[in-house]
Amino acid sequence: METTYESFPDGGRPLQAPPVSVTAAVSAMPTRANLPAKGSCWYCEKPLDSVRRFCGKPCADAFDEEAEFTR
């Protein structure tokens, strides 16, 4: 059995994970802006015009919160 010191390379310091690029992290998370306008709120299905995605900030925030829990 080896000691903890021997299980780490480079003098006992654990290896660092390579940094994740910011663009990779951002593209991995879908955003509200990536949703196409569909004529109704993406959260509550209230009818909207052909430009808006949510009927208001509460629905947009609730959509984000739900998306965070379902990832």
Protein backbone atom coordinates (compact mmCIF):
# COMPACT_ATOMS: atom_id res chain seq x y z
CA MET A 1 0.00 0.00 0.00
CA GLU A 2 1.36 3.44 -0.85
CA THR A 3 1.21 6.55 1.28
CA THR A 4 -0.92 9.50 0.36
CA TYR A 5 2.20 11.46 -0.52
CA GLU A 6 3.27 8.77 -3.00
CA SER A 7 -0.15 8.63 -4.67
CA PHE A 8 0.17 12.23 -5.86
CA PRO A 9 2.55 13.08 -8.68
CA ASP A 10 4.89 16.06 -8.59
CA GLY A 11 5.91 16.22 -4.95
CA GLY A 12 2.59 15.58 -3.27
CA ARG A 13 0.50 18.20 -5.08
CA PRO A 14 -2.62 16.74 -6.72
CA LEU A 15 -3.02 17.30 -10.45
CA GLN A 16 -5.28 20.19 -11.39
CA ALA A 17 -8.05 19.56 -13.88
CA PRO A 18 -7.51 21.48 -17.11
CA PRO A 19 -9.51 24.70 -17.14
CA VAL A 20 -12.77 24.58 -19.04
CA SER A 21 -13.04 27.26 -21.66
CA VAL A 22 -15.69 29.86 -21.01
CA THR A 23 -17.32 29.31 -24.38
CA ALA A 24 -17.65 25.57 -23.73
CA ALA A 25 -19.28 26.21 -20.35
CA VAL A 26 -21.67 28.78 -21.78
CA SER A 27 -22.65 26.67 -24.78
CA ALA A 28 -23.35 23.68 -22.55
CA MET A 29 -26.09 25.54 -20.70
CA PRO A 30 -29.14 26.42 -22.77
CA THR A 31 -30.27 29.99 -22.27
CA ARG A 32 -33.55 31.74 -22.70
CA ALA A 33 -32.16 33.56 -25.75
CA ASN A 34 -31.65 30.20 -27.50
CA LEU A 35 -35.35 29.38 -27.26
CA PRO A 36 -37.34 30.19 -30.38
CA ALA A 37 -40.39 32.40 -30.01
CA LYS A 38 -43.41 30.14 -30.36
CA GLY A 39 -46.38 32.44 -29.81
CA SER A 40 -46.86 31.46 -26.17
CA CYS A 41 -44.94 31.64 -22.90
CA TRP A 42 -42.42 28.80 -22.56
CA TYR A 43 -43.39 28.42 -18.89
CA CYS A 44 -47.13 29.03 -18.48
CA GLU A 45 -48.30 28.77 -22.14
CA LYS A 46 -50.02 32.19 -22.02
CA PRO A 47 -50.53 33.45 -25.62
CA LEU A 48 -47.89 35.98 -26.73
CA ASP A 49 -46.77 37.77 -29.88
CA SER A 50 -44.31 36.14 -32.26
CA VAL A 51 -41.27 37.83 -30.66
CA ARG A 52 -41.51 37.28 -26.90
CA ARG A 53 -40.60 34.00 -25.21
CA PHE A 54 -42.02 34.65 -21.72
CA CYS A 55 -44.97 36.68 -20.50
CA GLY A 56 -42.92 38.25 -17.70
CA LYS A 57 -39.93 38.04 -15.43
CA PRO A 58 -41.55 35.61 -12.94
CA CYS A 59 -42.12 33.03 -15.69
CA ALA A 60 -38.62 33.53 -17.12
CA ASP A 61 -37.07 33.10 -13.67
CA ALA A 62 -39.21 30.03 -12.94
CA PHE A 63 -38.17 28.53 -16.29
CA ASP A 64 -34.49 29.08 -15.44
CA GLU A 65 -34.93 27.59 -11.97
CA GLU A 66 -36.71 24.52 -13.35
CA ALA A 67 -34.05 24.09 -16.05
CA GLU A 68 -31.36 24.17 -13.36
CA PHE A 69 -33.02 21.31 -11.46
CA THR A 70 -33.60 19.18 -14.55
CA ARG A 71 -30.05 19.32 -15.94
